[in-house]
Amino acid sequence: MSPDEEFLAASSLKTIEFWHVASRTRIMTFTEPQFVGPLAFSPTGECFVSTTTDGALYLWDVNRWEKRETLYKHTDHIRALAFHPNGKIFVTASMDGTVWAWDVARGSFVTSLSLAWPLSPDVYKGDEKAIERALKVVASHSQNERAHEIWGLTFSACGTLLAGGRANEIRLWDATTYETRMIIFPPRESRRPYALTFSPCSRYLVSGSWWGFKDKVSIRLWDVATGENVYTFWGHSSDVQDLAFSPDGDLLASAGYDGAILLWDMEPYTELG
C-alpha cells in the first residue's frame, strides 16, 4: 500500500499489478522475466521498488509508473526489503548471504551490512547458551557470514535502528553507520524471527517465530535499549508471518500461517508515554 493509501501493488508469480484503491481500478500490469519478490513504496510515495528472484532491483517513478533504474548486485533471490523512514535509503537482504543499502535519489549502492559476529561480548543478549557458542566461534575465527541469510528487515520509526531476522538471531544495526549494535538470541522455541516490527515510539521491538513442535507459537516483546525480553505472547498454532502496531502503539496485530489475525492489547506491557 502507498503511504497515502491511494495505490496498492500486488504480485503473483511474474506479474506486478497496480491498483487505484478508491475506485478499485487496476491501473497497470507488468510482466517480469523472473518471479517477483518483495515490493515496497517509499515513505514519500514518490518511489516504488520491486525485486525479482534473480537478485534484480527496480526503482519506479510512481508519477509515471515507469522503471527509473535497474540495479544488479545481488546474485540470488531477495528475501527482504525495507525503506528508511526518510525515504532516502532502502535496504535489501538476499539468499546470497548479503545485505545492501541503496541510495534512492542516485539509484546506486551505498554499502554492505556485516553479518559477522562482533568481538565485543557486550553486543550479545538473550539465550546464554547461544551467546556462549557465538563467542567460541568468534574466538576461533571460523565465521561464515553466508550460513544463514536475513529473511526480514524493518527500520525503527525514529530512523536510528534497522532490525533483521536471521534463523537463530535478531540483529540490530545503527541506521547511520550500519554497524552492528546488538544481537539478540531468542530461546530455542522462538527461532526464525523473520516477522519483525518496532513500536511507534521505537523503544520496543516485536518478533514472531516459526512453529517449533509446540501447540502455540511465540511472539516476543523486546526492550531495544537493553535487549530484555519484556513479555512473551502465545496464540498462533503455526508460523507468525507478519506483525504491525497501531499508530498509537496500543494494539499489535499478528498474522499467522494458521490463517488467523490476532489483536493484542499492548498497554499493560509497554511504557509508551
C-alpha atoms as a PDB file:
ATOM      1  CA  MET A   1       0.000   0.000   0.000  1.00  0.00           C
ATOM      2  CA  SER A   2       1.238   3.520  -0.806  1.00  0.00           C
ATOM      3  CA  PRO A   3       1.667   5.850   2.218  1.00  0.00           C
ATOM      4  CA  ASP A   4      -1.425   7.897   1.283  1.00  0.00           C
ATOM      5  CA  GLU A   5      -3.395   4.649   0.764  1.00  0.00           C
ATOM      6  CA  GLU A   6      -4.251   5.691  -2.787  1.00  0.00           C
ATOM      7  CA  PHE A   7      -2.488   2.813  -4.549  1.00  0.00           C
ATOM      8  CA  LEU A   8      -1.988  -0.891  -3.951  1.00  0.00           C
ATOM      9  CA  ALA A   9       0.727  -3.009  -5.540  1.00  0.00           C
ATOM     10  CA  ALA A  10       0.351  -6.789  -5.699  1.00  0.00           C
ATOM     11  CA  SER A  11       2.428  -9.556  -7.242  1.00  0.00           C
ATOM     12  CA  SER A  12       1.715 -13.067  -8.474  1.00  0.00           C
ATOM     13  CA  LEU A  13       4.447 -15.229  -9.980  1.00  0.00           C
ATOM     14  CA  LYS A  14       5.990 -12.991 -12.699  1.00  0.00           C
ATOM     15  CA  THR A  15       3.312 -10.271 -12.657  1.00  0.00           C
ATOM     16  CA  ILE A  16       3.006  -6.944 -10.803  1.00  0.00           C
ATOM     17  CA  GLU A  17      -0.350  -5.170 -10.698  1.00  0.00           C
ATOM     18  CA  PHE A  18      -1.000  -1.579  -9.572  1.00  0.00           C
ATOM     19  CA  TRP A  19      -4.493  -0.694  -8.330  1.00  0.00           C
ATOM     20  CA  HIS A  20      -6.274   2.561  -7.510  1.00  0.00           C
ATOM     21  CA  VAL A  21      -7.850   1.748  -4.143  1.00  0.00           C
ATOM     22  CA  ALA A  22     -10.841   4.116  -4.017  1.00  0.00           C
ATOM     23  CA  SER A  23     -12.122   3.195  -7.476  1.00  0.00           C
ATOM     24  CA  ARG A  24     -10.969  -0.440  -7.268  1.00  0.00           C
ATOM     25  CA  THR A  25      -9.454   0.030 -10.713  1.00  0.00           C
ATOM     26  CA  ARG A  26      -6.369  -1.768 -11.981  1.00  0.00           C
ATOM     27  CA  ILE A  27      -4.047   0.897 -13.419  1.00  0.00           C
ATOM     28  CA  MET A  28      -1.154  -1.114 -14.782  1.00  0.00           C
ATOM     29  CA  THR A  29       0.034  -4.698 -15.178  1.00  0.00           C
ATOM     30  CA  PHE A  30       3.693  -5.561 -15.757  1.00  0.00           C
ATOM     31  CA  THR A  31       5.229  -8.937 -16.554  1.00  0.00           C
ATOM     32  CA  GLU A  32       8.797  -9.615 -15.436  1.00  0.00           C
ATOM     33  CA  PRO A  33      11.218 -12.196 -16.900  1.00  0.00           C
ATOM     34  CA  GLN A  34      11.706 -13.693 -13.421  1.00  0.00           C
ATOM     35  CA  PHE A  35       9.430 -14.400 -10.444  1.00  0.00           C
ATOM     36  CA  VAL A  36       8.659 -11.287  -8.410  1.00  0.00           C
ATOM     37  CA  GLY A  37       9.941 -10.886  -4.846  1.00  0.00           C
ATOM     38  CA  PRO A  38       9.276  -8.245  -2.150  1.00  0.00           C
ATOM     39  CA  LEU A  39       7.686  -4.911  -3.137  1.00  0.00           C
ATOM     40  CA  ALA A  40       7.577  -1.550  -1.323  1.00  0.00           C
ATOM     41  CA  PHE A  41       6.513   2.047  -1.777  1.00  0.00           C
ATOM     42  CA  SER A  42       8.867   4.677  -0.345  1.00  0.00           C
ATOM     43  CA  PRO A  43       7.548   6.621   2.701  1.00  0.00           C
ATOM     44  CA  THR A  44       7.201   9.695   0.468  1.00  0.00           C
ATOM     45  CA  GLY A  45       5.145   7.748  -2.074  1.00  0.00           C
ATOM     46  CA  GLU A  46       7.232   9.057  -4.961  1.00  0.00           C
ATOM     47  CA  CYS A  47       9.233   5.877  -5.480  1.00  0.00           C
ATOM     48  CA  PHE A  48       8.404   2.192  -5.687  1.00  0.00           C
ATOM     49  CA  VAL A  49      10.859  -0.716  -5.509  1.00  0.00           C
ATOM     50  CA  SER A  50      10.277  -4.181  -6.928  1.00  0.00           C
ATOM     51  CA  THR A  51      12.562  -7.200  -6.862  1.00  0.00           C
ATOM     52  CA  THR A  52      12.932 -10.469  -8.750  1.00  0.00           C
ATOM     53  CA  THR A  53      14.245 -13.890  -7.827  1.00  0.00           C
ATOM     54  CA  ASP A  54      17.456 -13.440  -9.839  1.00  0.00           C
ATOM     55  CA  GLY A  55      18.509 -10.623  -7.477  1.00  0.00           C
ATOM     56  CA  ALA A  56      17.481  -7.648  -9.634  1.00  0.00           C
ATOM     57  CA  LEU A  57      16.088  -4.417  -8.144  1.00  0.00           C
ATOM     58  CA  TYR A  58      13.901  -1.942  -9.993  1.00  0.00           C
ATOM     59  CA  LEU A  59      13.249   1.666  -8.935  1.00  0.00           C
ATOM     60  CA  TRP A  60       9.976   3.043 -10.291  1.00  0.00           C
ATOM     61  CA  ASP A  61       8.757   6.597 -10.829  1.00  0.00           C
ATOM     62  CA  VAL A  62       5.258   6.406  -9.318  1.00  0.00           C
ATOM     63  CA  ASN A  63       4.032   9.523 -11.131  1.00  0.00           C
ATOM     64  CA  ARG A  64       4.705   7.872 -14.497  1.00  0.00           C
ATOM     65  CA  TRP A  65       4.507   4.207 -13.464  1.00  0.00           C
ATOM     66  CA  GLU A  66       7.808   3.643 -15.229  1.00  0.00           C
ATOM     67  CA  LYS A  67      11.046   1.947 -14.201  1.00  0.00           C
ATOM     68  CA  ARG A  68      13.667   4.588 -13.467  1.00  0.00           C
ATOM     69  CA  GLU A  69      16.654   2.408 -12.512  1.00  0.00           C
ATOM     70  CA  THR A  70      17.676  -1.239 -12.693  1.00  0.00           C
ATOM     71  CA  LEU A  71      20.142  -2.310 -10.001  1.00  0.00           C
ATOM     72  CA  TYR A  72      22.132  -5.533 -10.205  1.00  0.00           C
ATOM     73  CA  LYS A  73      24.356  -6.531  -7.287  1.00  0.00           C
ATOM     74  CA  HIS A  74      22.619  -9.413  -5.525  1.00  0.00           C
ATOM     75  CA  THR A  75      23.086 -12.774  -7.185  1.00  0.00           C
ATOM     76  CA  ASP A  76      20.111 -14.641  -5.726  1.00  0.00           C
ATOM     77  CA  HIS A  77      16.520 -14.290  -4.529  1.00  0.00           C
ATOM     78  CA  ILE A  78      15.903 -11.112  -2.484  1.00  0.00           C
ATOM     79  CA  ARG A  79      14.202 -12.134   0.755  1.00  0.00           C
ATOM     80  CA  ALA A  80      13.554  -8.758   2.417  1.00  0.00           C
ATOM     81  CA  LEU A  81      13.229  -5.071   1.591  1.00  0.00           C
ATOM     82  CA  ALA A  82      12.781  -2.045   3.882  1.00  0.00           C
ATOM     83  CA  PHE A  83      12.778   1.731   3.421  1.00  0.00           C
ATOM     84  CA  HIS A  84      14.278   4.169   5.910  1.00  0.00           C
ATOM     85  CA  PRO A  85      11.520   6.453   7.279  1.00  0.00           C
ATOM     86  CA  ASN A  86      13.033   9.441   5.441  1.00  0.00           C
ATOM     87  CA  GLY A  87      12.632   7.622   2.118  1.00  0.00           C
ATOM     88  CA  LYS A  88      16.211   8.354   1.031  1.00  0.00           C
ATOM     89  CA  ILE A  89      17.660   4.900   1.699  1.00  0.00           C
ATOM     90  CA  PHE A  90      16.375   1.352   1.402  1.00  0.00           C
ATOM     91  CA  VAL A  91      17.989  -1.931   2.416  1.00  0.00           C
ATOM     92  CA  THR A  92      17.714  -5.381   0.834  1.00  0.00           C
ATOM     93  CA  ALA A  93      18.674  -8.858   2.004  1.00  0.00           C
ATOM     94  CA  SER A  94      19.274 -11.777  -0.342  1.00  0.00           C
ATOM     95  CA  MET A  95      19.671 -15.545  -0.281  1.00  0.00           C
ATOM     96  CA  ASP A  96      23.228 -14.907  -1.493  1.00  0.00           C
ATOM     97  CA  GLY A  97      24.025 -14.008   2.138  1.00  0.00           C
ATOM     98  CA  THR A  98      24.411 -10.262   1.606  1.00  0.00           C
ATOM     99  CA  VAL A  99      22.600  -7.212   2.957  1.00  0.00           C
ATOM    100  CA  TRP A 100      22.948  -3.985   0.943  1.00  0.00           C
ATOM    101  CA  ALA A 101      21.956  -0.340   1.483  1.00  0.00           C
ATOM    102  CA  TRP A 102      20.885   1.736  -1.556  1.00  0.00           C
ATOM    103  CA  ASP A 103      20.533   5.456  -2.309  1.00  0.00           C
ATOM    104  CA  VAL A 104      17.096   6.217  -3.791  1.00  0.00           C
ATOM    105  CA  ALA A 105      17.891   9.557  -5.480  1.00  0.00           C
ATOM    106  CA  ARG A 106      21.094   8.334  -7.121  1.00  0.00           C
ATOM    107  CA  GLY A 107      19.849   4.821  -7.760  1.00  0.00           C
ATOM    108  CA  SER A 108      23.142   3.451  -6.514  1.00  0.00           C
ATOM    109  CA  PHE A 109      24.726   1.087  -3.991  1.00  0.00           C
ATOM    110  CA  VAL A 110      25.748   2.691  -0.676  1.00  0.00           C
ATOM    111  CA  THR A 111      27.349  -0.009   1.473  1.00  0.00           C
ATOM    112  CA  SER A 112      27.088  -3.578   2.726  1.00  0.00           C
ATOM    113  CA  LEU A 113      25.964  -4.562   6.223  1.00  0.00           C
ATOM    114  CA  SER A 114      28.029  -7.104   8.108  1.00  0.00           C
ATOM    115  CA  LEU A 115      26.527 -10.393   9.233  1.00  0.00           C
ATOM    116  CA  ALA A 116      29.652 -11.397  11.158  1.00  0.00           C
ATOM    117  CA  TRP A 117      29.547 -11.855  14.919  1.00  0.00           C
ATOM    118  CA  PRO A 118      31.412  -8.938  16.591  1.00  0.00           C
ATOM    119  CA  LEU A 119      34.234  -9.397  19.073  1.00  0.00           C
ATOM    120  CA  SER A 120      32.655  -7.494  21.975  1.00  0.00           C
ATOM    121  CA  PRO A 121      30.626  -9.743  24.309  1.00  0.00           C
ATOM    122  CA  ASP A 122      28.512  -6.715  25.312  1.00  0.00           C
ATOM    123  CA  VAL A 123      26.752  -6.872  21.925  1.00  0.00           C
ATOM    124  CA  TYR A 124      25.076 -10.210  22.681  1.00  0.00           C
ATOM    125  CA  LYS A 125      21.762 -10.577  24.508  1.00  0.00           C
ATOM    126  CA  GLY A 126      19.266 -13.369  25.056  1.00  0.00           C
ATOM    127  CA  ASP A 127      19.866 -17.124  25.271  1.00  0.00           C
ATOM    128  CA  GLU A 128      23.032 -17.741  27.292  1.00  0.00           C
ATOM    129  CA  LYS A 129      23.997 -20.997  25.549  1.00  0.00           C
ATOM    130  CA  ALA A 130      23.688 -19.345  22.131  1.00  0.00           C
ATOM    131  CA  ILE A 131      25.843 -16.427  23.306  1.00  0.00           C
ATOM    132  CA  GLU A 132      28.476 -18.867  24.557  1.00  0.00           C
ATOM    133  CA  ARG A 133      28.531 -20.661  21.196  1.00  0.00           C
ATOM    134  CA  ALA A 134      28.820 -17.360  19.312  1.00  0.00           C
ATOM    135  CA  LEU A 135      31.778 -16.214  21.383  1.00  0.00           C
ATOM    136  CA  LYS A 136      33.551 -19.529  20.752  1.00  0.00           C
ATOM    137  CA  VAL A 137      33.053 -19.079  17.008  1.00  0.00           C
ATOM    138  CA  VAL A 138      34.409 -15.517  17.202  1.00  0.00           C
ATOM    139  CA  ALA A 139      37.455 -16.749  19.125  1.00  0.00           C
ATOM    140  CA  SER A 140      38.143 -19.474  16.551  1.00  0.00           C
ATOM    141  CA  HIS A 141      37.905 -17.032  13.583  1.00  0.00           C
ATOM    142  CA  SER A 142      35.724 -19.566  11.735  1.00  0.00           C
ATOM    143  CA  GLN A 143      32.714 -17.376  10.972  1.00  0.00           C
ATOM    144  CA  ASN A 144      30.630 -17.863   7.850  1.00  0.00           C
ATOM    145  CA  GLU A 145      28.549 -14.772   7.109  1.00  0.00           C
ATOM    146  CA  ARG A 146      26.569 -16.633   4.446  1.00  0.00           C
ATOM    147  CA  ALA A 147      25.491 -19.510   6.659  1.00  0.00           C
ATOM    148  CA  HIS A 148      22.045 -18.049   7.369  1.00  0.00           C
ATOM    149  CA  GLU A 149      20.619 -15.214   5.326  1.00  0.00           C
ATOM    150  CA  ILE A 150      18.355 -12.441   6.617  1.00  0.00           C
ATOM    151  CA  TRP A 151      14.646 -13.080   5.942  1.00  0.00           C
ATOM    152  CA  GLY A 152      13.094  -9.965   7.478  1.00  0.00           C
ATOM    153  CA  LEU A 153      14.050  -6.271   7.709  1.00  0.00           C
ATOM    154  CA  THR A 154      12.443  -3.280   9.400  1.00  0.00           C
ATOM    155  CA  PHE A 155      13.532   0.230  10.409  1.00  0.00           C
ATOM    156  CA  SER A 156      12.559   1.859  13.691  1.00  0.00           C
ATOM    157  CA  ALA A 157      10.073   4.721  13.373  1.00  0.00           C
ATOM    158  CA  CYS A 158      12.699   7.197  14.609  1.00  0.00           C
ATOM    159  CA  GLY A 159      15.077   6.014  11.874  1.00  0.00           C
ATOM    160  CA  THR A 160      18.030   5.223  14.133  1.00  0.00           C
ATOM    161  CA  LEU A 161      17.925   1.412  14.013  1.00  0.00           C
ATOM    162  CA  LEU A 162      17.488  -1.357  11.467  1.00  0.00           C
ATOM    163  CA  ALA A 163      16.448  -4.844  12.609  1.00  0.00           C
ATOM    164  CA  GLY A 164      16.998  -8.059  10.687  1.00  0.00           C
ATOM    165  CA  GLY A 165      15.662 -11.548  11.371  1.00  0.00           C
ATOM    166  CA  ARG A 166      18.002 -14.478  10.869  1.00  0.00           C
ATOM    167  CA  ALA A 167      17.487 -18.201  11.566  1.00  0.00           C
ATOM    168  CA  ASN A 168      18.698 -18.038  15.181  1.00  0.00           C
ATOM    169  CA  GLU A 169      19.109 -14.322  15.898  1.00  0.00           C
ATOM    170  CA  ILE A 170      17.722 -10.811  15.690  1.00  0.00           C
ATOM    171  CA  ARG A 171      20.334  -8.286  14.611  1.00  0.00           C
ATOM    172  CA  LEU A 172      20.141  -4.539  15.243  1.00  0.00           C
ATOM    173  CA  TRP A 173      22.266  -2.200  13.123  1.00  0.00           C
ATOM    174  CA  ASP A 174      22.879   1.513  13.512  1.00  0.00           C
ATOM    175  CA  ALA A 175      20.878   3.033  10.636  1.00  0.00           C
ATOM    176  CA  THR A 176      23.521   5.726  10.048  1.00  0.00           C
ATOM    177  CA  THR A 177      26.836   3.871  10.337  1.00  0.00           C
ATOM    178  CA  TYR A 178      25.374   0.390   9.573  1.00  0.00           C
ATOM    179  CA  GLU A 179      27.489  -1.059  12.381  1.00  0.00           C
ATOM    180  CA  THR A 180      26.063  -3.902  14.486  1.00  0.00           C
ATOM    181  CA  ARG A 181      24.595  -2.503  17.703  1.00  0.00           C
ATOM    182  CA  MET A 182      23.077  -5.628  19.253  1.00  0.00           C
ATOM    183  CA  ILE A 183      22.474  -9.311  18.527  1.00  0.00           C
ATOM    184  CA  ILE A 184      19.591 -10.993  20.348  1.00  0.00           C
ATOM    185  CA  PHE A 185      19.498 -14.787  20.508  1.00  0.00           C
ATOM    186  CA  PRO A 186      15.898 -15.894  21.167  1.00  0.00           C
ATOM    187  CA  PRO A 187      15.223 -19.157  23.049  1.00  0.00           C
ATOM    188  CA  ARG A 188      15.048 -22.329  21.002  1.00  0.00           C
ATOM    189  CA  GLU A 189      11.233 -22.268  20.822  1.00  0.00           C
ATOM    190  CA  SER A 190      11.353 -18.771  19.289  1.00  0.00           C
ATOM    191  CA  ARG A 191      13.766 -19.357  16.428  1.00  0.00           C
ATOM    192  CA  ARG A 192      13.366 -17.971  12.908  1.00  0.00           C
ATOM    193  CA  PRO A 193      12.242 -14.473  13.978  1.00  0.00           C
ATOM    194  CA  TYR A 194      11.518 -13.343  10.427  1.00  0.00           C
ATOM    195  CA  ALA A 195       8.433 -11.262  11.295  1.00  0.00           C
ATOM    196  CA  LEU A 196       9.613  -8.059  12.990  1.00  0.00           C
ATOM    197  CA  THR A 197       8.169  -4.661  13.840  1.00  0.00           C
ATOM    198  CA  PHE A 198       9.170  -1.712  16.024  1.00  0.00           C
ATOM    199  CA  SER A 199       6.673   0.091  18.224  1.00  0.00           C
ATOM    200  CA  PRO A 200       5.799   3.642  17.046  1.00  0.00           C
ATOM    201  CA  CYS A 201       7.917   5.055  19.885  1.00  0.00           C
ATOM    202  CA  SER A 202      10.887   2.884  18.744  1.00  0.00           C
ATOM    203  CA  ARG A 203      11.511   1.706  22.316  1.00  0.00           C
ATOM    204  CA  TYR A 204      10.306  -1.830  21.649  1.00  0.00           C
ATOM    205  CA  LEU A 205      10.801  -4.499  19.009  1.00  0.00           C
ATOM    206  CA  VAL A 206       8.408  -7.397  18.479  1.00  0.00           C
ATOM    207  CA  SER A 207       9.470 -10.661  16.855  1.00  0.00           C
ATOM    208  CA  GLY A 208       7.392 -13.599  15.683  1.00  0.00           C
ATOM    209  CA  SER A 209       8.710 -17.126  15.258  1.00  0.00           C
ATOM    210  CA  TRP A 210       8.043 -20.258  13.259  1.00  0.00           C
ATOM    211  CA  TRP A 211       6.384 -23.389  14.509  1.00  0.00           C
ATOM    212  CA  GLY A 212       8.693 -25.381  16.790  1.00  0.00           C
ATOM    213  CA  PHE A 213       6.781 -28.586  17.517  1.00  0.00           C
ATOM    214  CA  LYS A 214       4.669 -26.922  20.234  1.00  0.00           C
ATOM    215  CA  ASP A 215       0.936 -26.265  20.485  1.00  0.00           C
ATOM    216  CA  LYS A 216       1.451 -22.486  20.287  1.00  0.00           C
ATOM    217  CA  VAL A 217       3.990 -20.206  18.601  1.00  0.00           C
ATOM    218  CA  SER A 218       5.636 -17.347  20.482  1.00  0.00           C
ATOM    219  CA  ILE A 219       5.624 -13.603  19.859  1.00  0.00           C
ATOM    220  CA  ARG A 220       8.248 -11.786  21.908  1.00  0.00           C
ATOM    221  CA  LEU A 221       8.384  -8.152  23.027  1.00  0.00           C
ATOM    222  CA  TRP A 222      11.944  -6.832  23.398  1.00  0.00           C
ATOM    223  CA  ASP A 223      13.293  -3.691  25.060  1.00  0.00           C
ATOM    224  CA  VAL A 224      15.553  -2.167  22.382  1.00  0.00           C
ATOM    225  CA  ALA A 225      17.843  -0.398  24.856  1.00  0.00           C
ATOM    226  CA  THR A 226      18.629  -3.474  26.982  1.00  0.00           C
ATOM    227  CA  GLY A 227      17.778  -6.468  24.790  1.00  0.00           C
ATOM    228  CA  GLU A 228      15.479  -7.729  27.567  1.00  0.00           C
ATOM    229  CA  ASN A 229      12.517  -9.940  26.694  1.00  0.00           C
ATOM    230  CA  VAL A 230       9.756  -7.866  28.316  1.00  0.00           C
ATOM    231  CA  TYR A 231       6.926 -10.325  27.638  1.00  0.00           C
ATOM    232  CA  THR A 232       6.065 -13.360  25.529  1.00  0.00           C
ATOM    233  CA  PHE A 233       2.667 -13.884  23.893  1.00  0.00           C
ATOM    234  CA  TRP A 234       1.342 -17.283  22.796  1.00  0.00           C
ATOM    235  CA  GLY A 235      -1.554 -17.563  20.371  1.00  0.00           C
ATOM    236  CA  HIS A 236      -0.885 -18.790  16.829  1.00  0.00           C
ATOM    237  CA  SER A 237      -0.687 -22.508  16.126  1.00  0.00           C
ATOM    238  CA  SER A 238       1.776 -22.061  13.233  1.00  0.00           C
ATOM    239  CA  ASP A 239       4.384 -19.631  11.835  1.00  0.00           C
ATOM    240  CA  VAL A 240       3.943 -15.929  12.592  1.00  0.00           C
ATOM    241  CA  GLN A 241       4.262 -14.270   9.191  1.00  0.00           C
ATOM    242  CA  ASP A 242       3.543 -10.581   9.795  1.00  0.00           C
ATOM    243  CA  LEU A 243       3.319  -8.044  12.630  1.00  0.00           C
ATOM    244  CA  ALA A 244       2.120  -4.438  12.829  1.00  0.00           C
ATOM    245  CA  PHE A 245       1.432  -1.869  15.555  1.00  0.00           C
ATOM    246  CA  SER A 246      -1.475   0.555  15.542  1.00  0.00           C
ATOM    247  CA  PRO A 247      -0.307   4.190  15.124  1.00  0.00           C
ATOM    248  CA  ASP A 248      -0.702   4.865  18.878  1.00  0.00           C
ATOM    249  CA  GLY A 249       1.110   1.645  19.826  1.00  0.00           C
ATOM    250  CA  ASP A 250      -1.755   0.355  21.982  1.00  0.00           C
ATOM    251  CA  LEU A 251      -2.558  -2.601  19.720  1.00  0.00           C
ATOM    252  CA  LEU A 252      -0.390  -5.181  17.980  1.00  0.00           C
ATOM    253  CA  ALA A 253      -1.743  -7.223  15.073  1.00  0.00           C
ATOM    254  CA  SER A 254      -0.184 -10.593  14.242  1.00  0.00           C
ATOM    255  CA  ALA A 255      -0.906 -12.731  11.185  1.00  0.00           C
ATOM    256  CA  GLY A 256      -0.111 -16.439  11.178  1.00  0.00           C
ATOM    257  CA  TYR A 257       0.231 -19.288   8.716  1.00  0.00           C
ATOM    258  CA  ASP A 258      -2.710 -20.780  10.612  1.00  0.00           C
ATOM    259  CA  GLY A 259      -4.942 -18.232   8.846  1.00  0.00           C
ATOM    260  CA  ALA A 260      -5.624 -16.202  11.989  1.00  0.00           C
ATOM    261  CA  ILE A 261      -5.132 -12.485  12.625  1.00  0.00           C
ATOM    262  CA  LEU A 262      -4.848 -11.743  16.346  1.00  0.00           C
ATOM    263  CA  LEU A 263      -5.070  -8.371  18.101  1.00  0.00           C
ATOM    264  CA  TRP A 264      -3.028  -7.887  21.275  1.00  0.00           C
ATOM    265  CA  ASP A 265      -3.542  -5.198  23.928  1.00  0.00           C
ATOM    266  CA  MET A 266      -0.031  -3.815  24.476  1.00  0.00           C
ATOM    267  CA  GLU A 267      -0.762  -1.190  27.139  1.00  0.00           C
ATOM    268  CA  PRO A 268      -0.089  -3.499  30.138  1.00  0.00           C
ATOM    269  CA  TYR A 269       3.369  -4.416  28.786  1.00  0.00           C
ATOM    270  CA  THR A 270       4.801  -1.179  27.406  1.00  0.00           C
ATOM    271  CA  GLU A 271       5.544   2.317  28.604  1.00  0.00           C
ATOM    272  CA  LEU A 272       4.633   4.439  25.633  1.00  0.00           C
ATOM    273  CA  GLY A 273       4.220   7.777  27.367  1.00  0.00           C
END
